[in-house]
PDB file of N, CA and C in Angstrom:
ATOM      1  N   MET A   1       7.560   5.165   9.537  1.00  0.00           N
ATOM      2  CA  MET A   1       8.133   5.109   8.209  1.00  0.00           C
ATOM      3  C   MET A   1       8.395   6.516   7.711  1.00  0.00           C
ATOM      4  N   ALA A   2       9.482   6.697   7.022  1.00  0.00           N
ATOM      5  CA  ALA A   2       9.845   8.013   6.498  1.00  0.00           C
ATOM      6  C   ALA A   2       9.043   8.343   5.246  1.00  0.00           C
ATOM      7  N   ASP A   3       8.898   9.626   4.978  1.00  0.00           N
ATOM      8  CA  ASP A   3       8.147  10.075   3.810  1.00  0.00           C
ATOM      9  C   ASP A   3       8.830   9.711   2.496  1.00  0.00           C
ATOM     10  N   PHE A   4      10.120   9.406   2.532  1.00  0.00           N
ATOM     11  CA  PHE A   4      10.847   9.113   1.303  1.00  0.00           C
ATOM     12  C   PHE A   4      10.716   7.660   0.850  1.00  0.00           C
ATOM     13  N   CYS A   5      10.087   6.823   1.621  1.00  0.00           N
ATOM     14  CA  CYS A   5       9.897   5.427   1.212  1.00  0.00           C
ATOM     15  C   CYS A   5       8.825   5.361   0.129  1.00  0.00           C
ATOM     16  N   PRO A   6       8.994   4.433  -0.828  1.00  0.00           N
ATOM     17  CA  PRO A   6       7.991   4.305  -1.891  1.00  0.00           C
ATOM     18  C   PRO A   6       6.620   3.951  -1.324  1.00  0.00           C
ATOM     19  N   PRO A   7       5.563   4.282  -2.058  1.00  0.00           N
ATOM     20  CA  PRO A   7       4.222   3.941  -1.578  1.00  0.00           C
ATOM     21  C   PRO A   7       4.030   2.427  -1.550  1.00  0.00           C
ATOM     22  N   GLY A   8       3.111   2.005  -0.743  1.00  0.00           N
ATOM     23  CA  GLY A   8       2.812   0.582  -0.604  1.00  0.00           C
ATOM     24  C   GLY A   8       2.531   0.271   0.854  1.00  0.00           C
ATOM     25  N   LYS A   9       2.108  -0.918   1.098  1.00  0.00           N
ATOM     26  CA  LYS A   9       1.814  -1.321   2.473  1.00  0.00           C
ATOM     27  C   LYS A   9       3.090  -1.251   3.291  1.00  0.00           C
ATOM     28  N   ASN A  10       3.006  -0.679   4.506  1.00  0.00           N
ATOM     29  CA  ASN A  10       4.209  -0.514   5.318  1.00  0.00           C
ATOM     30  C   ASN A  10       4.056  -0.989   6.750  1.00  0.00           C
ATOM     31  N   VAL A  11       2.880  -1.500   7.110  1.00  0.00           N
ATOM     32  CA  VAL A  11       2.654  -2.000   8.460  1.00  0.00           C
ATOM     33  C   VAL A  11       1.658  -3.165   8.384  1.00  0.00           C
ATOM     34  N   TRP A  12       1.900  -4.212   9.211  1.00  0.00           N
ATOM     35  CA  TRP A  12       1.108  -5.432   9.156  1.00  0.00           C
ATOM     36  C   TRP A  12       0.616  -5.850  10.535  1.00  0.00           C
ATOM     37  N   PRO A  13      -0.321  -5.123  11.135  1.00  0.00           N
ATOM     38  CA  PRO A  13      -0.818  -5.495  12.471  1.00  0.00           C
ATOM     39  C   PRO A  13      -1.540  -6.843  12.477  1.00  0.00           C
ATOM     40  N   GLU A  14      -2.086  -7.236  11.358  1.00  0.00           N
ATOM     41  CA  GLU A  14      -2.825  -8.495  11.280  1.00  0.00           C
ATOM     42  C   GLU A  14      -1.925  -9.731  11.406  1.00  0.00           C
ATOM     43  N   LEU A  15      -0.612  -9.537  11.364  1.00  0.00           N
ATOM     44  CA  LEU A  15       0.315 -10.671  11.448  1.00  0.00           C
ATOM     45  C   LEU A  15       0.749 -11.005  12.876  1.00  0.00           C
ATOM     46  N   VAL A  16       0.379 -10.178  13.839  1.00  0.00           N
ATOM     47  CA  VAL A  16       0.710 -10.493  15.233  1.00  0.00           C
ATOM     48  C   VAL A  16      -0.008 -11.786  15.608  1.00  0.00           C
ATOM     49  N   GLY A  17       0.757 -12.735  16.146  1.00  0.00           N
ATOM     50  CA  GLY A  17       0.207 -14.028  16.511  1.00  0.00           C
ATOM     51  C   GLY A  17       0.401 -15.100  15.447  1.00  0.00           C
ATOM     52  N   ILE A  18       0.970 -14.715  14.302  1.00  0.00           N
ATOM     53  CA  ILE A  18       1.191 -15.630  13.182  1.00  0.00           C
ATOM     54  C   ILE A  18       2.640 -16.130  13.202  1.00  0.00           C
ATOM     55  N   LYS A  19       2.885 -17.310  12.698  1.00  0.00           N
ATOM     56  CA  LYS A  19       4.224 -17.874  12.572  1.00  0.00           C
ATOM     57  C   LYS A  19       5.047 -17.032  11.593  1.00  0.00           C
ATOM     58  N   ALA A  20       6.303 -16.739  11.932  1.00  0.00           N
ATOM     59  CA  ALA A  20       7.169 -15.866  11.142  1.00  0.00           C
ATOM     60  C   ALA A  20       7.370 -16.360   9.714  1.00  0.00           C
ATOM     61  N   THR A  21       7.480 -17.663   9.515  1.00  0.00           N
ATOM     62  CA  THR A  21       7.712 -18.184   8.160  1.00  0.00           C
ATOM     63  C   THR A  21       6.540 -17.879   7.232  1.00  0.00           C
ATOM     64  N   ILE A  22       5.342 -17.933   7.751  1.00  0.00           N
ATOM     65  CA  ILE A  22       4.154 -17.597   6.954  1.00  0.00           C
ATOM     66  C   ILE A  22       4.090 -16.095   6.719  1.00  0.00           C
ATOM     67  N   ALA A  23       4.349 -15.316   7.768  1.00  0.00           N
ATOM     68  CA  ALA A  23       4.265 -13.860   7.679  1.00  0.00           C
ATOM     69  C   ALA A  23       5.248 -13.297   6.656  1.00  0.00           C
ATOM     70  N   LYS A  24       6.419 -13.883   6.559  1.00  0.00           N
ATOM     71  CA  LYS A  24       7.430 -13.401   5.601  1.00  0.00           C
ATOM     72  C   LYS A  24       6.884 -13.426   4.185  1.00  0.00           C
ATOM     73  N   HIS A  25       6.208 -14.492   3.810  1.00  0.00           N
ATOM     74  CA  HIS A  25       5.637 -14.598   2.460  1.00  0.00           C
ATOM     75  C   HIS A  25       4.533 -13.566   2.245  1.00  0.00           C
ATOM     76  N   ILE A  26       3.731 -13.331   3.251  1.00  0.00           N
ATOM     77  CA  ILE A  26       2.647 -12.347   3.145  1.00  0.00           C
ATOM     78  C   ILE A  26       3.221 -10.945   2.946  1.00  0.00           C
ATOM     79  N   ILE A  27       4.241 -10.599   3.723  1.00  0.00           N
ATOM     80  CA  ILE A  27       4.858  -9.269   3.626  1.00  0.00           C
ATOM     81  C   ILE A  27       5.439  -9.049   2.237  1.00  0.00           C
ATOM     82  N   LYS A  28       6.187 -10.010   1.725  1.00  0.00           N
ATOM     83  CA  LYS A  28       6.800  -9.867   0.394  1.00  0.00           C
ATOM     84  C   LYS A  28       5.741  -9.793  -0.706  1.00  0.00           C
ATOM     85  N   LYS A  29       4.637 -10.487  -0.513  1.00  0.00           N
ATOM     86  CA  LYS A  29       3.549 -10.437  -1.497  1.00  0.00           C
ATOM     87  C   LYS A  29       2.852  -9.075  -1.459  1.00  0.00           C
ATOM     88  N   ASP A  30       2.663  -8.526  -0.262  1.00  0.00           N
ATOM     89  CA  ASP A  30       1.960  -7.252  -0.095  1.00  0.00           C
ATOM     90  C   ASP A  30       2.763  -6.038  -0.561  1.00  0.00           C
ATOM     91  N   ASN A  31       4.103  -6.122  -0.494  1.00  0.00           N
ATOM     92  CA  ASN A  31       4.929  -4.969  -0.865  1.00  0.00           C
ATOM     93  C   ASN A  31       6.181  -5.462  -1.591  1.00  0.00           C
ATOM     94  N   SER A  32       6.213  -5.284  -2.897  1.00  0.00           N
ATOM     95  CA  SER A  32       7.335  -5.767  -3.715  1.00  0.00           C
ATOM     96  C   SER A  32       8.623  -4.985  -3.477  1.00  0.00           C
ATOM     97  N   ASN A  33       8.557  -3.846  -2.792  1.00  0.00           N
ATOM     98  CA  ASN A  33       9.766  -3.076  -2.481  1.00  0.00           C
ATOM     99  C   ASN A  33      10.545  -3.659  -1.306  1.00  0.00           C
ATOM    100  N   VAL A  34       9.936  -4.552  -0.557  1.00  0.00           N
ATOM    101  CA  VAL A  34      10.600  -5.165   0.590  1.00  0.00           C
ATOM    102  C   VAL A  34      11.528  -6.268   0.092  1.00  0.00           C
ATOM    103  N   GLU A  35      12.827  -6.090   0.349  1.00  0.00           N
ATOM    104  CA  GLU A  35      13.822  -7.082  -0.058  1.00  0.00           C
ATOM    105  C   GLU A  35      14.272  -7.947   1.109  1.00  0.00           C
ATOM    106  N   ARG A  36      14.237  -7.385   2.321  1.00  0.00           N
ATOM    107  CA  ARG A  36      14.711  -8.101   3.507  1.00  0.00           C
ATOM    108  C   ARG A  36      13.618  -8.175   4.551  1.00  0.00           C
ATOM    109  N   VAL A  37      13.321  -9.381   5.004  1.00  0.00           N
ATOM    110  CA  VAL A  37      12.399  -9.575   6.118  1.00  0.00           C
ATOM    111  C   VAL A  37      13.203 -10.304   7.189  1.00  0.00           C
ATOM    112  N   GLU A  38      13.472  -9.604   8.289  1.00  0.00           N
ATOM    113  CA  GLU A  38      14.320 -10.141   9.353  1.00  0.00           C
ATOM    114  C   GLU A  38      13.487 -10.655  10.512  1.00  0.00           C
ATOM    115  N   THR A  39      13.853 -11.818  11.015  1.00  0.00           N
ATOM    116  CA  THR A  39      13.212 -12.382  12.198  1.00  0.00           C
ATOM    117  C   THR A  39      14.139 -12.155  13.382  1.00  0.00           C
ATOM    118  N   ILE A  40      13.637 -11.449  14.406  1.00  0.00           N
ATOM    119  CA  ILE A  40      14.453 -11.065  15.555  1.00  0.00           C
ATOM    120  C   ILE A  40      13.719 -11.440  16.833  1.00  0.00           C
ATOM    121  N   LEU A  41      14.436 -12.040  17.756  1.00  0.00           N
ATOM    122  CA  LEU A  41      13.855 -12.394  19.044  1.00  0.00           C
ATOM    123  C   LEU A  41      13.470 -11.114  19.790  1.00  0.00           C
ATOM    124  N   ALA A  42      12.236 -11.029  20.248  1.00  0.00           N
ATOM    125  CA  ALA A  42      11.749  -9.844  20.971  1.00  0.00           C
ATOM    126  C   ALA A  42      12.680  -9.532  22.139  1.00  0.00           C
ATOM    127  N   GLY A  43      12.997  -8.262  22.285  1.00  0.00           N
ATOM    128  CA  GLY A  43      13.882  -7.816  23.351  1.00  0.00           C
ATOM    129  C   GLY A  43      15.333  -7.692  22.919  1.00  0.00           C
ATOM    130  N   SER A  44      15.654  -8.201  21.747  1.00  0.00           N
ATOM    131  CA  SER A  44      17.023  -8.096  21.235  1.00  0.00           C
ATOM    132  C   SER A  44      17.296  -6.677  20.744  1.00  0.00           C
ATOM    133  N   GLY A  45      18.541  -6.264  20.808  1.00  0.00           N
ATOM    134  CA  GLY A  45      18.936  -4.954  20.302  1.00  0.00           C
ATOM    135  C   GLY A  45      19.015  -4.947  18.788  1.00  0.00           C
ATOM    136  N   VAL A  46      18.669  -3.820  18.199  1.00  0.00           N
ATOM    137  CA  VAL A  46      18.755  -3.642  16.752  1.00  0.00           C
ATOM    138  C   VAL A  46      19.307  -2.254  16.459  1.00  0.00           C
ATOM    139  N   THR A  47      19.815  -2.072  15.252  1.00  0.00           N
ATOM    140  CA  THR A  47      20.277  -0.754  14.832  1.00  0.00           C
ATOM    141  C   THR A  47      19.074   0.160  14.631  1.00  0.00           C
ATOM    142  N   LYS A  48      19.299   1.453  14.660  1.00  0.00           N
ATOM    143  CA  LYS A  48      18.208   2.418  14.527  1.00  0.00           C
ATOM    144  C   LYS A  48      18.130   3.023  13.129  1.00  0.00           C
ATOM    145  N   ASP A  49      18.872   2.458  12.188  1.00  0.00           N
ATOM    146  CA  ASP A  49      18.834   2.988  10.827  1.00  0.00           C
ATOM    147  C   ASP A  49      17.493   2.655  10.169  1.00  0.00           C
ATOM    148  N   LEU A  50      17.060   3.527   9.276  1.00  0.00           N
ATOM    149  CA  LEU A  50      15.797   3.338   8.561  1.00  0.00           C
ATOM    150  C   LEU A  50      16.091   2.807   7.174  1.00  0.00           C
ATOM    151  N   ARG A  51      15.469   1.699   6.824  1.00  0.00           N
ATOM    152  CA  ARG A  51      15.610   1.120   5.489  1.00  0.00           C
ATOM    153  C   ARG A  51      14.224   0.849   4.936  1.00  0.00           C
ATOM    154  N   CYS A  52      13.956   1.409   3.776  1.00  0.00           N
ATOM    155  CA  CYS A  52      12.646   1.242   3.150  1.00  0.00           C
ATOM    156  C   CYS A  52      12.443  -0.152   2.571  1.00  0.00           C
ATOM    157  N   ASP A  53      13.520  -0.916   2.449  1.00  0.00           N
ATOM    158  CA  ASP A  53      13.419  -2.252   1.864  1.00  0.00           C
ATOM    159  C   ASP A  53      13.470  -3.359   2.914  1.00  0.00           C
ATOM    160  N   ARG A  54      13.335  -2.991   4.204  1.00  0.00           N
ATOM    161  CA  ARG A  54      13.462  -3.965   5.282  1.00  0.00           C
ATOM    162  C   ARG A  54      12.244  -3.939   6.198  1.00  0.00           C
ATOM    163  N   VAL A  55      11.834  -5.133   6.614  1.00  0.00           N
ATOM    164  CA  VAL A  55      10.812  -5.291   7.641  1.00  0.00           C
ATOM    165  C   VAL A  55      11.410  -6.184   8.713  1.00  0.00           C
ATOM    166  N   ARG A  56      11.283  -5.764   9.960  1.00  0.00           N
ATOM    167  CA  ARG A  56      11.727  -6.579  11.083  1.00  0.00           C
ATOM    168  C   ARG A  56      10.510  -7.199  11.752  1.00  0.00           C
ATOM    169  N   MET A  57      10.591  -8.512  11.957  1.00  0.00           N
ATOM    170  CA  MET A  57       9.530  -9.224  12.658  1.00  0.00           C
ATOM    171  C   MET A  57      10.078  -9.640  14.015  1.00  0.00           C
ATOM    172  N   PHE A  58       9.490  -9.118  15.086  1.00  0.00           N
ATOM    173  CA  PHE A  58       9.915  -9.480  16.435  1.00  0.00           C
ATOM    174  C   PHE A  58       9.076 -10.653  16.904  1.00  0.00           C
ATOM    175  N   VAL A  59       9.755 -11.730  17.290  1.00  0.00           N
ATOM    176  CA  VAL A  59       9.090 -12.988  17.601  1.00  0.00           C
ATOM    177  C   VAL A  59       9.451 -13.479  18.995  1.00  0.00           C
ATOM    178  N   ASN A  60       8.642 -14.440  19.498  1.00  0.00           N
ATOM    179  CA  ASN A  60       8.973 -15.112  20.748  1.00  0.00           C
ATOM    180  C   ASN A  60       9.813 -16.355  20.413  1.00  0.00           C
ATOM    181  N   ILE A  61      10.121 -17.171  21.400  1.00  0.00           N
ATOM    182  CA  ILE A  61      10.993 -18.321  21.147  1.00  0.00           C
ATOM    183  C   ILE A  61      10.342 -19.383  20.260  1.00  0.00           C
ATOM    184  N   GLU A  62       9.034 -19.293  20.086  1.00  0.00           N
ATOM    185  CA  GLU A  62       8.326 -20.223  19.196  1.00  0.00           C
ATOM    186  C   GLU A  62       8.170 -19.659  17.787  1.00  0.00           C
ATOM    187  N   GLU A  63       8.835 -18.514  17.531  1.00  0.00           N
ATOM    188  CA  GLU A  63       8.807 -17.812  16.248  1.00  0.00           C
ATOM    189  C   GLU A  63       7.409 -17.329  15.864  1.00  0.00           C
ATOM    190  N   ILE A  64       6.644 -16.936  16.882  1.00  0.00           N
ATOM    191  CA  ILE A  64       5.343 -16.295  16.687  1.00  0.00           C
ATOM    192  C   ILE A  64       5.558 -14.786  16.808  1.00  0.00           C
ATOM    193  N   ILE A  65       5.010 -14.018  15.884  1.00  0.00           N
ATOM    194  CA  ILE A  65       5.183 -12.567  15.889  1.00  0.00           C
ATOM    195  C   ILE A  65       4.468 -11.972  17.094  1.00  0.00           C
ATOM    196  N   VAL A  66       5.199 -11.118  17.845  1.00  0.00           N
ATOM    197  CA  VAL A  66       4.647 -10.534  19.062  1.00  0.00           C
ATOM    198  C   VAL A  66       4.521  -9.005  18.981  1.00  0.00           C
ATOM    199  N   GLU A  67       5.071  -8.395  17.929  1.00  0.00           N
ATOM    200  CA  GLU A  67       4.946  -6.952  17.701  1.00  0.00           C
ATOM    201  C   GLU A  67       4.575  -6.737  16.243  1.00  0.00           C
ATOM    202  N   THR A  68       3.900  -5.642  15.965  1.00  0.00           N
ATOM    203  CA  THR A  68       3.478  -5.338  14.598  1.00  0.00           C
ATOM    204  C   THR A  68       4.680  -5.153  13.682  1.00  0.00           C
ATOM    205  N   PRO A  69       4.821  -5.973  12.643  1.00  0.00           N
ATOM    206  CA  PRO A  69       5.905  -5.771  11.675  1.00  0.00           C
ATOM    207  C   PRO A  69       5.663  -4.485  10.885  1.00  0.00           C
ATOM    208  N   ARG A  70       6.749  -3.767  10.615  1.00  0.00           N
ATOM    209  CA  ARG A  70       6.646  -2.532   9.845  1.00  0.00           C
ATOM    210  C   ARG A  70       7.937  -2.266   9.082  1.00  0.00           C
ATOM    211  N   ILE A  71       7.828  -1.468   8.043  1.00  0.00           N
ATOM    212  CA  ILE A  71       9.013  -1.063   7.289  1.00  0.00           C
ATOM    213  C   ILE A  71       9.875  -0.197   8.172  1.00  0.00           C
ATOM    214  N   GLY A  72      11.160  -0.375   8.047  1.00  0.00           N
ATOM    215  CA  GLY A  72      12.076   0.428   8.844  1.00  0.00           C
ATOM    216  C   GLY A  72      13.338  -0.231   9.068  1.00  0.00           C
TER     217      GLY A  72
END
């Protein structure tokens, strides 16, 4: 995460292994600056731009989080 992002929770290691639909609500509750929570199939390509209002959740085909969600 870049130094210019507002303070607040920016990483959620405790959500690995959790269903994406549940994790999305937890992330938005933990950090009100997050406007977008994206669910992406692990291994898919993504842009490298940094956004302080976005969290990407990388999931398996069962929509279980397989990587630590973080702001970016």
